[in-house]
Amino acid sequence: MSDETTLPEPAGMLTAPTAVFPDGYKIGVTRYADLILRYAFSARFDDLYLALDQYSIDAPELVAGGGNRAGHTARFDSLLEKFGWGKRNITIDKLVDGRPIHRTRGHEIDMFGGGPGGEDDPYPGVGVEMEWNNKDPFFDRDLLNFQALHREGALAVGVIVTRGPELQKIIGPTIRGTAASVKFGQSSTHWDKLVPRVNLGGGGECPLILIGIEPPRINAFGPIRGAWADGRQIARGDTLS
C-alpha cells in the first residue's frame, strides 16, 4: 500500500471551472476566478456569458487577411460594449504622507467592466483581453498587467480569450497567409502557449479565466476540417468548398 498522498493542485494552477459557460470553448480558471465572477460580479458574469454565447467566426474570416484585431475580434469587443464595457487605461499613483512619489500607467485593457459600484466606483473591475493571432509574448504583457492591477486593487478577475487547442491543431498546419507563409504559427497566441505561462505563475495572484475558441464556434468549418484531414493546405484567396 502506497504512503503517497494525492495533493490538490495549488490555487494558481489551471483547473476546470465550476461555473457553466457556453458550449464551443475550452475553459480553464485559477484561484476560483469563475466563482468570484459568477457570485461577486454577477452582472459582469452575465455580460461575458451572453457575449460568448452570441460570438462566432465565419470560416472565410480565418482564411482572409487580418492580424490580431481581425474583424471578428472587433465584433467580440462590440458584444461587450453593448453592456457598457470599454477600453481602459488605469493609472496608479503612490503617495507618502499625501505626497505623490510614483505614478504607473498600465497597458490599455481591451475590454474593462467596472465592479458593482458602477462608474462612480468601478474598481475592482474585470478585464478581458482577446489575443487571437499575435506574437505569443503578448501573453506575458497581459499577465503582467493583470498581476499589477490586481495587486493594487484595480482588478478582481482577468480574462484572456485566444484560439483553443483543437482549433489550433486543425488550422495551424492547414491555413496559410500566402502559399509560402504560415498564418497561425506555433509561436503565435493560442491556448498551448498561454497555459504553461499561467501554470508557472504568470498573472501572479490575480484570478484568471482562460477561454479557448474551439471549432464549434466557427461557422461552416467543414471544408477546413476536411482539408486538414486530407493533408491539404488553404491559402488566402482560396475558395472554401
Protein backbone atom coordinates (compact mmCIF):
# COMPACT_ATOMS: atom_id res chain seq x y z
CA MET A 1 0.00 0.00 0.00
CA SER A 2 1.45 3.35 -1.01
CA ASP A 3 2.13 6.04 1.59
CA GLU A 4 1.89 8.71 -1.07
CA THR A 5 -0.88 11.25 -0.63
CA THR A 6 -2.54 12.92 -3.59
CA LEU A 7 -2.32 16.63 -3.00
CA PRO A 8 -4.73 19.18 -4.51
CA GLU A 9 -3.44 21.42 -7.26
CA PRO A 10 -2.21 24.81 -5.99
CA ALA A 11 -4.76 27.60 -6.42
CA GLY A 12 -2.60 29.25 -9.08
CA MET A 13 -2.64 26.20 -11.36
CA LEU A 14 -5.21 26.00 -14.14
CA THR A 15 -8.26 23.86 -13.34
CA ALA A 16 -11.66 23.20 -14.86
CA PRO A 17 -14.36 25.76 -14.00
CA THR A 18 -17.24 25.17 -11.62
CA ALA A 19 -19.45 27.82 -13.22
CA VAL A 20 -21.16 26.93 -16.50
CA PHE A 21 -20.04 28.65 -19.71
CA PRO A 22 -21.47 28.43 -23.26
CA ASP A 23 -20.51 25.45 -25.42
CA GLY A 24 -17.76 25.67 -28.01
CA TYR A 25 -14.96 26.89 -25.76
CA LYS A 26 -12.12 25.37 -23.76
CA ILE A 27 -12.26 26.98 -20.30
CA GLY A 28 -9.67 27.00 -17.51
CA VAL A 29 -9.57 29.01 -14.28
CA THR A 30 -7.19 29.83 -11.45
CA ARG A 31 -7.92 30.92 -7.89
CA TYR A 32 -11.69 30.30 -8.24
CA ALA A 33 -11.95 33.13 -10.76
CA ASP A 34 -15.18 31.76 -12.26
CA LEU A 35 -16.89 31.70 -8.85
CA ILE A 36 -15.66 35.18 -7.98
CA LEU A 37 -17.06 36.45 -11.26
CA ARG A 38 -20.29 34.45 -11.00
CA TYR A 39 -21.22 35.46 -7.47
CA ALA A 40 -19.35 38.67 -6.60
CA PHE A 41 -19.68 40.27 -10.06
CA SER A 42 -22.83 38.54 -11.28
CA ALA A 43 -23.79 41.24 -13.78
CA ARG A 44 -20.35 41.07 -15.40
CA PHE A 45 -20.53 37.27 -15.50
CA ASP A 46 -23.86 37.54 -17.32
CA ASP A 47 -22.34 40.05 -19.77
CA LEU A 48 -19.44 37.74 -20.55
CA TYR A 49 -21.70 34.69 -20.83
CA LEU A 50 -24.01 36.42 -23.31
CA ALA A 51 -21.09 37.75 -25.37
CA LEU A 52 -19.55 34.27 -25.60
CA ASP A 53 -22.91 32.71 -26.39
CA GLN A 54 -23.54 35.14 -29.28
CA TYR A 55 -19.99 35.08 -30.64
CA SER A 56 -18.99 33.10 -33.70
CA ILE A 57 -16.50 33.31 -36.56
CA ASP A 58 -17.27 32.66 -40.22
CA ALA A 59 -14.82 30.20 -41.77
CA PRO A 60 -13.80 32.62 -44.57
CA GLU A 61 -12.63 35.06 -41.89
CA LEU A 62 -9.95 32.53 -40.92
CA VAL A 63 -8.57 32.49 -44.44
CA ALA A 64 -8.86 36.23 -45.12
CA GLY A 65 -6.12 38.72 -44.24
CA GLY A 66 -6.02 40.44 -40.87
CA GLY A 67 -3.98 40.11 -37.71
CA ASN A 68 -4.77 40.27 -34.02
CA ARG A 69 -7.54 42.88 -34.37
CA ALA A 70 -9.37 40.99 -37.08
CA GLY A 71 -12.98 41.81 -37.88
CA HIS A 72 -14.33 39.05 -35.68
CA THR A 73 -12.12 40.24 -32.80
CA ALA A 74 -13.63 43.71 -33.01
CA ARG A 75 -17.03 42.03 -33.18
CA PHE A 76 -16.36 40.29 -29.87
CA ASP A 77 -15.45 43.65 -28.31
CA SER A 78 -18.68 45.15 -29.62
CA LEU A 79 -20.72 42.43 -27.89
CA LEU A 80 -19.28 43.55 -24.55
CA GLU A 81 -19.58 47.23 -25.43
CA LYS A 82 -23.35 46.76 -25.61
CA PHE A 83 -23.24 46.10 -21.86
CA GLY A 84 -21.13 49.16 -21.06
CA TRP A 85 -17.65 47.63 -21.25
CA GLY A 86 -14.89 49.61 -22.92
CA LYS A 87 -11.18 50.17 -23.32
CA ARG A 88 -9.49 51.35 -20.14
CA ASN A 89 -6.10 52.73 -19.18
CA ILE A 90 -5.58 52.64 -15.42
CA THR A 91 -3.07 54.93 -13.73
CA ILE A 92 -1.83 54.08 -10.23
CA ASP A 93 -0.42 56.85 -8.01
CA LYS A 94 1.72 56.11 -4.94
CA LEU A 95 1.53 58.60 -2.06
CA VAL A 96 3.57 59.01 1.13
CA ASP A 97 2.04 61.36 3.69
CA GLY A 98 -0.19 62.65 0.94
CA ARG A 99 2.72 63.47 -1.37
CA PRO A 100 2.98 61.68 -4.76
CA ILE A 101 6.18 59.66 -5.12
CA HIS A 102 5.41 57.42 -8.08
CA ARG A 103 2.94 57.09 -10.93
CA THR A 104 2.46 53.99 -13.10
CA ARG A 105 0.24 53.75 -16.15
CA GLY A 106 -0.83 50.22 -17.05
CA HIS A 107 -1.22 48.82 -20.54
CA GLU A 108 -4.60 49.55 -22.08
CA ILE A 109 -7.12 46.77 -21.41
CA ASP A 110 -9.12 45.70 -24.47
CA MET A 111 -12.41 45.49 -22.56
CA PHE A 112 -12.95 46.58 -18.95
CA GLY A 113 -16.14 46.13 -16.98
CA GLY A 114 -16.48 48.06 -13.73
CA GLY A 115 -17.43 46.46 -10.45
CA PRO A 116 -20.80 46.56 -8.66
CA GLY A 117 -20.25 50.19 -7.63
CA GLY A 118 -20.86 51.42 -11.20
CA GLU A 119 -18.94 54.21 -12.91
CA ASP A 120 -18.71 56.20 -9.67
CA ASP A 121 -16.79 53.32 -8.07
CA PRO A 122 -15.61 50.97 -10.86
CA TYR A 123 -12.73 49.29 -9.03
CA PRO A 124 -12.01 46.48 -8.70
CA GLY A 125 -13.35 45.51 -12.09
CA VAL A 126 -12.97 42.77 -14.70
CA GLY A 127 -10.52 42.92 -17.62
CA VAL A 128 -10.82 40.96 -20.88
CA GLU A 129 -8.03 40.63 -23.44
CA MET A 130 -8.59 38.96 -26.82
CA GLU A 131 -5.32 37.59 -28.21
CA TRP A 132 -6.42 36.00 -31.48
CA ASN A 133 -3.25 35.89 -33.59
CA ASN A 134 -0.45 37.94 -32.08
CA LYS A 135 3.12 37.07 -31.12
CA ASP A 136 2.99 34.90 -28.01
CA PRO A 137 5.00 37.35 -25.78
CA PHE A 138 1.82 39.46 -25.78
CA PHE A 139 0.53 36.93 -23.26
CA ASP A 140 3.34 37.99 -20.91
CA ARG A 141 2.30 41.63 -21.27
CA ASP A 142 -1.34 40.83 -20.47
CA LEU A 143 -0.47 38.66 -17.48
CA LEU A 144 1.92 41.25 -16.03
CA ASN A 145 -0.71 43.94 -16.45
CA PHE A 146 -3.36 41.82 -14.73
CA GLN A 147 -0.93 40.99 -11.93
CA ALA A 148 -0.04 44.63 -11.27
CA LEU A 149 -3.62 45.89 -11.41
CA HIS A 150 -4.87 43.12 -9.12
CA ARG A 151 -2.10 43.81 -6.60
CA GLU A 152 -3.19 47.46 -6.42
CA GLY A 153 -6.87 46.61 -6.06
CA ALA A 154 -7.99 47.76 -9.51
CA LEU A 155 -8.78 44.34 -10.99
CA ALA A 156 -10.71 41.45 -9.46
CA VAL A 157 -10.57 38.97 -12.37
CA GLY A 158 -8.55 38.84 -15.60
CA VAL A 159 -9.88 37.06 -18.69
CA ILE A 160 -7.84 36.07 -21.75
CA VAL A 161 -9.58 34.79 -24.90
CA THR A 162 -7.49 33.02 -27.55
CA ARG A 163 -7.54 30.13 -30.01
CA GLY A 164 -8.34 26.81 -28.37
CA PRO A 165 -6.13 23.71 -28.67
CA GLU A 166 -8.38 21.77 -31.06
CA LEU A 167 -8.84 24.78 -33.33
CA GLN A 168 -5.09 25.43 -33.40
CA LYS A 169 -4.38 21.76 -34.15
CA ILE A 170 -6.50 22.00 -37.29
CA ILE A 171 -5.87 25.49 -38.66
CA GLY A 172 -2.19 25.74 -37.70
CA PRO A 173 -0.89 23.39 -40.42
CA THR A 174 -3.80 23.99 -42.79
CA ILE A 175 -4.33 27.73 -43.30
CA ARG A 176 -1.55 29.77 -44.89
CA GLY A 177 -1.18 33.53 -45.03
CA THR A 178 0.11 33.00 -48.56
CA ALA A 179 1.20 29.85 -50.33
CA ALA A 180 4.62 30.25 -48.68
CA SER A 181 3.83 31.61 -45.20
CA VAL A 182 2.21 30.23 -42.05
CA LYS A 183 -0.72 32.24 -40.72
CA PHE A 184 -1.44 30.61 -37.36
CA GLY A 185 2.05 29.54 -36.32
CA GLN A 186 3.13 27.76 -33.16
CA SER A 187 4.82 30.91 -31.84
CA SER A 188 1.61 32.96 -32.06
CA THR A 189 -1.04 33.39 -29.38
CA HIS A 190 -3.02 30.21 -28.71
CA TRP A 191 -4.03 28.00 -25.79
CA ASP A 192 -0.92 25.82 -25.63
CA LYS A 193 1.31 28.90 -25.41
CA LEU A 194 -0.78 30.50 -22.67
CA VAL A 195 -1.35 27.63 -20.24
CA PRO A 196 2.34 26.97 -19.36
CA ARG A 197 2.82 30.68 -18.61
CA VAL A 198 -0.11 30.64 -16.19
CA ASN A 199 0.94 27.39 -14.52
CA LEU A 200 4.43 28.86 -13.96
CA GLY A 201 2.93 31.81 -12.10
CA GLY A 202 2.05 34.27 -14.86
CA GLY A 203 -0.58 36.68 -13.59
CA GLY A 204 0.64 36.41 -10.01
CA GLU A 205 -2.21 36.32 -7.50
CA CYS A 206 -4.79 37.62 -9.98
CA PRO A 207 -7.66 35.15 -10.50
CA LEU A 208 -7.75 34.25 -14.19
CA ILE A 209 -10.23 32.80 -16.66
CA LEU A 210 -8.72 31.41 -19.87
CA ILE A 211 -11.09 30.92 -22.81
CA GLY A 212 -10.08 28.97 -25.91
CA ILE A 213 -12.22 29.35 -29.04
CA GLU A 214 -12.89 25.91 -30.50
CA PRO A 215 -14.27 24.60 -33.85
CA PRO A 216 -17.96 24.59 -32.79
CA ARG A 217 -17.73 28.41 -32.73
CA ILE A 218 -16.64 28.51 -36.40
CA ASN A 219 -19.49 28.68 -38.91
CA ALA A 220 -19.12 26.39 -41.95
CA PHE A 221 -15.91 24.87 -40.62
CA GLY A 222 -16.34 21.60 -42.56
CA PRO A 223 -14.14 22.44 -45.59
CA ILE A 224 -11.25 23.49 -43.35
CA ARG A 225 -11.55 20.35 -41.24
CA GLY A 226 -11.73 18.30 -44.42
CA ALA A 227 -8.58 19.92 -45.83
CA TRP A 228 -6.76 19.17 -42.56
CA ALA A 229 -7.89 15.55 -42.62
CA ASP A 230 -6.65 15.22 -46.22
CA GLY A 231 -3.34 16.95 -45.52
CA ARG A 232 -4.19 19.82 -47.88
CA GLN A 233 -3.44 23.49 -47.25
CA ILE A 234 -5.63 26.55 -47.83
CA ALA A 235 -4.08 29.91 -48.71
CA ARG A 236 -5.52 33.41 -48.71
CA GLY A 237 -7.83 33.85 -51.68
CA ASP A 238 -8.70 30.15 -51.96
CA THR A 239 -12.37 29.26 -52.17
CA LEU A 240 -13.70 27.10 -49.34
CA SER A 241 -15.72 24.20 -50.67
